[in-house]
Amino acid sequence: MCQLPKETWLDKLNEIQRKGLALCLDLPSQSSLEALEVLSGTLPIDLRREEMAIRELGKINSYSNNVPIKRKFEIWKEEENPEKFISPLGKMYQQTEDMKDTELVDINKIEPQYEYQGLVSVIRAPDYWRNIGSSKSRTTDQIEEGKQIISEQLKSQTPNTAVAFTDGSCFGNPGPCGAGAIIYINDQEEKLKRPVSNKGSILLAELIAIKIVLDYIESFSKEQIDTLTLFSDSQTALGILTLNWKSDSYHQTINEIKGKIKNLNEHGILINLNWTPGHANIKGNDEATPWQKKLLKKQKH
């Protein structure tokens, strides 16, 4: 209702605002709306409506093109006559264009000024993360369950999907650490390795292992690869990247990885990050592990 251009709706809302402010300020209900708004520091409804519309459209504009509402909005903008009668979305877009023409404020540049990430909710981890247990205490049944889960995930992949397994290792924690990965693309495999630090942590190694896969996938187009399904055996790394877990370190590396994921998504390559149990006789994970451990041994000596 607040986006409809009919002044009658705005008049009704103004009357509600006037009575409400008069009641809160303990003033006569016949008081001027403008005076009540000034005394209370309240925005007029028409300005508040425009502010809310611009903020909402700013959020939509910041989404990846994989988000349905953003994709529909981009298609809508390209149409010569997108609608016969202006809709709430059309009104929002019209307001942002007017703002750009009159105030030289571009909607594409205002999102960082008011976007607030302090209250991001924590997403719950999949149940199998807990059910399969840790590699130090995992039972034979849990190992088989883990293999079955990963096998089912692999079977569900589409033809243009790249599948990667990553791993990081350290001699000591902190200590010399390295990252490795193996990527399967159309029946071909590619092994990646990278020394990370002479004195780093296992978390850093696991993060870098994910990053080198994303670096590699950036060289492909969406016609070659439309999805990357990546398996890491680090719940901590995946929790930070996908579940909003807090990290006290490696913020630059984490932000770089998130930026690469966003960039690939925007270019039509969907990124799926999944946990695989380590040391569970899972082919890809087992192949990624010795590959980067050989690198570490050379680095140590």
Protein backbone atom coordinates (compact mmCIF):
# COMPACT_ATOMS: atom_id res chain seq x y z
CA MET A 1 0.00 0.00 0.00
CA CYS A 2 2.80 2.43 0.85
CA GLN A 3 4.05 2.31 -2.76
CA LEU A 4 0.70 3.09 -4.42
CA PRO A 5 0.71 6.56 -5.96
CA LYS A 6 -2.86 7.37 -4.93
CA GLU A 7 -2.80 10.42 -2.66
CA THR A 8 -5.87 9.14 -0.83
CA TRP A 9 -3.79 6.34 0.70
CA LEU A 10 -1.11 8.82 1.73
CA ASP A 11 -3.72 11.11 3.28
CA LYS A 12 -5.06 8.24 5.37
CA LEU A 13 -1.58 7.31 6.55
CA ASN A 14 -0.80 10.94 7.38
CA GLU A 15 -3.94 11.11 9.50
CA ILE A 16 -2.85 8.01 11.42
CA GLN A 17 0.63 9.50 11.91
CA ARG A 18 -0.80 12.82 13.09
CA LYS A 19 -3.05 11.21 15.72
CA GLY A 20 -0.30 8.88 16.89
CA LEU A 21 2.27 11.66 17.28
CA ALA A 22 -0.23 13.90 19.05
CA LEU A 23 -0.97 11.11 21.52
CA CYS A 24 2.73 10.43 22.15
CA LEU A 25 3.54 14.13 22.59
CA ASP A 26 0.43 14.78 24.69
CA LEU A 27 -0.72 17.52 22.31
CA PRO A 28 -4.17 18.23 20.86
CA SER A 29 -5.16 15.80 18.11
CA GLN A 30 -5.91 18.77 15.84
CA SER A 31 -2.24 19.87 15.91
CA SER A 32 -0.47 20.41 12.61
CA LEU A 33 1.14 17.25 11.24
CA GLU A 34 4.22 19.19 10.14
CA ALA A 35 4.69 20.63 13.65
CA LEU A 36 4.26 17.21 15.26
CA GLU A 37 6.83 15.68 12.90
CA VAL A 38 9.34 18.44 13.66
CA LEU A 39 8.84 18.16 17.43
CA SER A 40 9.19 14.37 17.41
CA GLY A 41 11.95 14.16 14.81
CA THR A 42 9.77 11.93 12.64
CA LEU A 43 10.14 11.79 8.87
CA PRO A 44 7.06 12.60 6.80
CA ILE A 45 5.50 9.40 5.49
CA ASP A 46 6.15 10.20 1.83
CA LEU A 47 9.87 10.70 2.54
CA ARG A 48 9.98 7.62 4.76
CA ARG A 49 8.31 5.65 1.98
CA GLU A 50 10.95 6.73 -0.52
CA GLU A 51 13.76 6.01 1.94
CA MET A 52 12.48 2.48 2.57
CA ALA A 53 12.05 1.86 -1.15
CA ILE A 54 15.58 3.01 -1.95
CA ARG A 55 17.07 0.95 0.85
CA GLU A 56 15.16 -2.17 -0.22
CA LEU A 57 16.12 -1.76 -3.85
CA GLY A 58 19.71 -1.20 -2.76
CA LYS A 59 19.65 -4.57 -1.01
CA ILE A 60 18.12 -6.29 -4.03
CA ASN A 61 20.71 -4.65 -6.25
CA SER A 62 23.54 -6.06 -4.10
CA TYR A 63 22.36 -9.67 -4.45
CA SER A 64 24.05 -12.20 -6.70
CA ASN A 65 22.33 -12.76 -10.05
CA ASN A 66 21.61 -16.30 -8.86
CA VAL A 67 19.05 -14.91 -6.41
CA PRO A 68 15.63 -15.11 -8.15
CA ILE A 69 14.43 -11.61 -7.25
CA LYS A 70 17.69 -10.05 -8.48
CA ARG A 71 17.55 -12.06 -11.71
CA LYS A 72 13.95 -10.97 -12.34
CA PHE A 73 14.85 -7.37 -11.56
CA GLU A 74 17.71 -7.39 -14.10
CA ILE A 75 15.39 -8.85 -16.77
CA TRP A 76 12.74 -6.28 -15.88
CA LYS A 77 15.20 -3.39 -16.35
CA GLU A 78 16.10 -4.58 -19.86
CA GLU A 79 12.50 -4.66 -21.10
CA GLU A 80 11.35 -1.67 -23.13
CA ASN A 81 7.86 -1.63 -21.58
CA PRO A 82 8.09 -3.85 -18.50
CA GLU A 83 4.57 -3.14 -17.21
CA LYS A 84 1.33 -1.49 -18.25
CA PHE A 85 0.63 -0.08 -14.80
CA ILE A 86 3.45 0.90 -12.49
CA SER A 87 4.03 -1.66 -9.74
CA PRO A 88 5.68 -1.24 -6.32
CA LEU A 89 8.95 -2.42 -7.89
CA GLY A 90 8.52 0.04 -10.74
CA LYS A 91 7.86 2.86 -8.30
CA MET A 92 10.96 1.93 -6.31
CA TYR A 93 13.09 1.91 -9.45
CA GLN A 94 11.60 5.21 -10.61
CA GLN A 95 12.51 6.81 -7.28
CA THR A 96 16.12 5.62 -7.49
CA GLU A 97 16.44 6.92 -11.05
CA ASP A 98 15.02 10.29 -9.99
CA MET A 99 17.51 10.38 -7.13
CA LYS A 100 20.39 9.67 -9.51
CA ASP A 101 19.27 12.42 -11.91
CA THR A 102 18.56 15.10 -9.31
CA GLU A 103 21.01 14.31 -6.51
CA LEU A 104 23.74 12.46 -8.48
CA VAL A 105 23.45 9.56 -6.00
CA ASP A 106 23.78 6.17 -7.69
CA ILE A 107 21.93 3.24 -6.10
CA ASN A 108 24.85 0.98 -7.01
CA LYS A 109 27.16 2.92 -4.71
CA ILE A 110 25.12 3.49 -1.56
CA GLU A 111 24.72 -0.06 -0.22
CA PRO A 112 28.03 -0.17 1.72
CA GLN A 113 27.06 3.02 3.56
CA TYR A 114 24.18 1.43 5.43
CA GLU A 115 24.63 -2.35 5.13
CA TYR A 116 25.12 -3.80 8.62
CA GLN A 117 26.37 -7.33 9.18
CA GLY A 118 26.53 -7.31 12.97
CA LEU A 119 23.34 -9.30 13.51
CA VAL A 120 23.82 -12.04 10.93
CA SER A 121 22.25 -15.25 12.20
CA VAL A 122 24.23 -18.46 12.54
CA ILE A 123 23.02 -21.19 10.21
CA ARG A 124 22.84 -24.68 11.60
CA ALA A 125 25.34 -27.23 10.30
CA PRO A 126 24.01 -30.37 8.57
CA ASP A 127 23.28 -33.21 10.99
CA TYR A 128 25.81 -35.54 9.39
CA TRP A 129 28.63 -33.26 10.55
CA ARG A 130 27.87 -34.36 14.08
CA ASN A 131 26.63 -37.89 13.40
CA ILE A 132 29.79 -39.09 11.65
CA GLY A 133 32.09 -38.04 14.48
CA SER A 134 35.76 -37.07 14.43
CA SER A 135 38.51 -38.99 12.66
CA LYS A 136 40.11 -39.89 16.02
CA SER A 137 37.05 -41.67 17.40
CA ARG A 138 35.03 -42.58 14.30
CA THR A 139 33.59 -46.11 14.19
CA THR A 140 33.50 -48.40 11.17
CA ASP A 141 29.77 -47.78 10.82
CA GLN A 142 30.32 -44.02 10.87
CA ILE A 143 33.01 -44.34 8.20
CA GLU A 144 30.61 -46.27 5.97
CA GLU A 145 27.87 -43.73 6.61
CA GLY A 146 30.22 -40.92 5.61
CA LYS A 147 31.25 -42.69 2.41
CA GLN A 148 27.59 -43.27 1.54
CA ILE A 149 26.67 -39.61 2.07
CA ILE A 150 29.51 -38.34 -0.11
CA SER A 151 28.78 -40.98 -2.75
CA GLU A 152 25.16 -39.85 -2.98
CA GLN A 153 26.22 -36.22 -3.28
CA LEU A 154 28.61 -37.08 -6.10
CA LYS A 155 25.96 -39.06 -7.99
CA SER A 156 23.64 -36.06 -7.99
CA GLN A 157 26.09 -33.82 -9.86
CA THR A 158 25.24 -32.51 -13.34
CA PRO A 159 27.53 -33.07 -16.38
CA ASN A 160 29.05 -29.57 -16.30
CA THR A 161 29.99 -29.82 -12.63
CA ALA A 162 33.58 -29.65 -11.43
CA VAL A 163 34.21 -31.66 -8.26
CA ALA A 164 37.11 -30.78 -5.98
CA PHE A 165 38.54 -32.21 -2.77
CA THR A 166 40.81 -29.99 -0.68
CA ASP A 167 43.08 -30.56 2.28
CA GLY A 168 45.60 -28.68 4.36
CA SER A 169 48.31 -30.00 6.66
CA CYS A 170 50.81 -28.68 9.16
CA PHE A 171 53.90 -30.07 10.85
CA GLY A 172 53.02 -28.60 14.22
CA ASN A 173 50.24 -26.11 14.82
CA PRO A 174 51.60 -23.55 14.19
CA GLY A 175 54.31 -24.87 11.92
CA PRO A 176 55.18 -25.32 8.25
CA CYS A 177 51.91 -25.79 6.39
CA GLY A 178 50.77 -26.44 2.86
CA ALA A 179 47.59 -26.80 0.85
CA GLY A 180 46.57 -29.30 -1.78
CA ALA A 181 43.57 -30.19 -3.90
CA ILE A 182 42.40 -32.50 -6.63
CA ILE A 183 39.80 -31.37 -9.18
CA TYR A 184 37.75 -33.59 -11.47
CA ILE A 185 36.39 -31.96 -14.64
CA ASN A 186 34.80 -34.03 -17.40
CA ASP A 187 36.70 -37.21 -16.57
CA GLN A 188 39.96 -35.26 -16.30
CA GLU A 189 41.76 -34.56 -13.04
CA GLU A 190 44.01 -31.72 -11.98
CA LYS A 191 46.17 -31.71 -8.86
CA LEU A 192 47.03 -28.44 -7.18
CA LYS A 193 49.55 -27.73 -4.46
CA ARG A 194 50.83 -24.66 -2.69
CA PRO A 195 53.15 -23.96 0.25
CA VAL A 196 51.33 -21.71 2.69
CA SER A 197 53.62 -20.62 5.52
CA ASN A 198 56.69 -21.68 7.46
CA LYS A 199 54.74 -20.99 10.63
CA GLY A 200 51.02 -21.18 10.01
CA SER A 201 48.01 -23.04 11.36
CA ILE A 202 45.96 -25.92 10.04
CA LEU A 203 43.00 -23.54 9.56
CA LEU A 204 45.04 -21.27 7.30
CA ALA A 205 46.17 -24.28 5.27
CA GLU A 206 42.57 -25.48 4.87
CA LEU A 207 41.40 -22.02 3.79
CA ILE A 208 44.20 -21.67 1.24
CA ALA A 209 43.37 -25.12 -0.14
CA ILE A 210 39.85 -23.87 -0.87
CA LYS A 211 41.19 -20.63 -2.32
CA ILE A 212 43.52 -22.29 -4.84
CA VAL A 213 40.60 -24.29 -6.23
CA LEU A 214 38.56 -21.09 -6.68
CA ASP A 215 41.58 -19.46 -8.34
CA TYR A 216 41.73 -22.36 -10.78
CA ILE A 217 37.99 -22.36 -11.54
CA GLU A 218 38.10 -18.62 -12.35
CA SER A 219 39.84 -19.51 -15.63
CA PHE A 220 36.73 -21.34 -16.87
CA SER A 221 33.55 -19.92 -18.39
CA LYS A 222 30.02 -20.86 -17.37
CA GLU A 223 29.71 -22.72 -20.69
CA GLN A 224 32.52 -25.03 -19.58
CA ILE A 225 31.56 -25.30 -15.91
CA ASP A 226 28.25 -24.23 -14.38
CA THR A 227 28.83 -25.65 -10.89
CA LEU A 228 31.75 -26.30 -8.56
CA THR A 229 31.09 -28.81 -5.80
CA LEU A 230 33.97 -28.59 -3.36
CA PHE A 231 34.58 -30.99 -0.47
CA SER A 232 36.75 -29.98 2.49
CA ASP A 233 37.38 -32.04 5.62
CA SER A 234 37.63 -28.87 7.74
CA GLN A 235 34.37 -28.11 9.51
CA THR A 236 35.92 -24.95 10.93
CA ALA A 237 36.81 -23.54 7.51
CA LEU A 238 33.40 -24.40 6.08
CA GLY A 239 31.61 -23.06 9.16
CA ILE A 240 33.36 -19.71 8.75
CA LEU A 241 32.63 -19.54 5.02
CA THR A 242 29.06 -20.87 4.91
CA LEU A 243 27.53 -20.84 8.40
CA ASN A 244 28.63 -17.39 9.65
CA TRP A 245 30.92 -18.82 12.32
CA LYS A 246 33.15 -16.19 13.87
CA SER A 247 36.86 -16.19 13.12
CA ASP A 248 39.45 -14.32 15.17
CA SER A 249 42.11 -14.50 12.46
CA TYR A 250 42.79 -14.69 8.72
CA HIS A 251 40.11 -12.12 7.93
CA GLN A 252 41.80 -11.04 4.70
CA THR A 253 42.00 -14.61 3.40
CA ILE A 254 38.40 -15.30 4.40
CA ASN A 255 37.17 -12.14 2.69
CA GLU A 256 39.13 -13.00 -0.45
CA ILE A 257 37.51 -16.45 -0.59
CA LYS A 258 34.03 -15.02 -0.06
CA GLY A 259 34.72 -12.44 -2.75
CA LYS A 260 35.78 -15.13 -5.21
CA ILE A 261 32.66 -17.18 -4.45
CA LYS A 262 30.48 -14.13 -5.05
CA ASN A 263 32.31 -13.27 -8.27
CA LEU A 264 31.96 -16.80 -9.64
CA ASN A 265 28.28 -16.88 -8.72
CA GLU A 266 27.74 -13.60 -10.54
CA HIS A 267 29.42 -15.06 -13.63
CA GLY A 268 27.05 -18.02 -13.65
CA ILE A 269 29.17 -20.61 -11.83
CA LEU A 270 27.41 -21.91 -8.73
CA ILE A 271 29.69 -22.78 -5.80
CA ASN A 272 28.70 -25.55 -3.37
CA LEU A 273 30.93 -26.08 -0.32
CA ASN A 274 30.46 -29.38 1.51
CA TRP A 275 32.13 -31.23 4.35
CA THR A 276 33.68 -34.64 3.79
CA PRO A 277 34.96 -36.74 6.69
CA GLY A 278 38.74 -37.02 6.63
CA HIS A 279 40.59 -40.32 6.92
CA ALA A 280 37.47 -42.24 5.88
CA ASN A 281 38.76 -43.93 2.71
CA ILE A 282 36.98 -41.46 0.45
CA LYS A 283 38.83 -41.40 -2.87
CA GLY A 284 39.05 -37.67 -3.57
CA ASN A 285 39.91 -36.73 0.00
CA ASP A 286 42.53 -39.45 0.28
CA GLU A 287 44.15 -38.31 -2.97
CA ALA A 288 44.27 -34.66 -1.95
CA THR A 289 45.94 -35.45 1.39
CA PRO A 290 49.19 -37.15 0.32
CA TRP A 291 49.58 -34.70 -2.55
CA GLN A 292 50.05 -31.71 -0.26
CA LYS A 293 51.84 -33.68 2.46
CA LYS A 294 54.62 -34.47 -0.02
CA LEU A 295 54.90 -30.75 -0.61
CA LEU A 296 55.10 -30.13 3.13
CA LYS A 297 57.92 -32.60 3.62
CA LYS A 298 59.97 -30.77 0.99
CA GLN A 299 59.13 -27.44 2.61
CA LYS A 300 60.16 -28.69 6.06
CA HIS A 301 63.56 -29.83 4.84
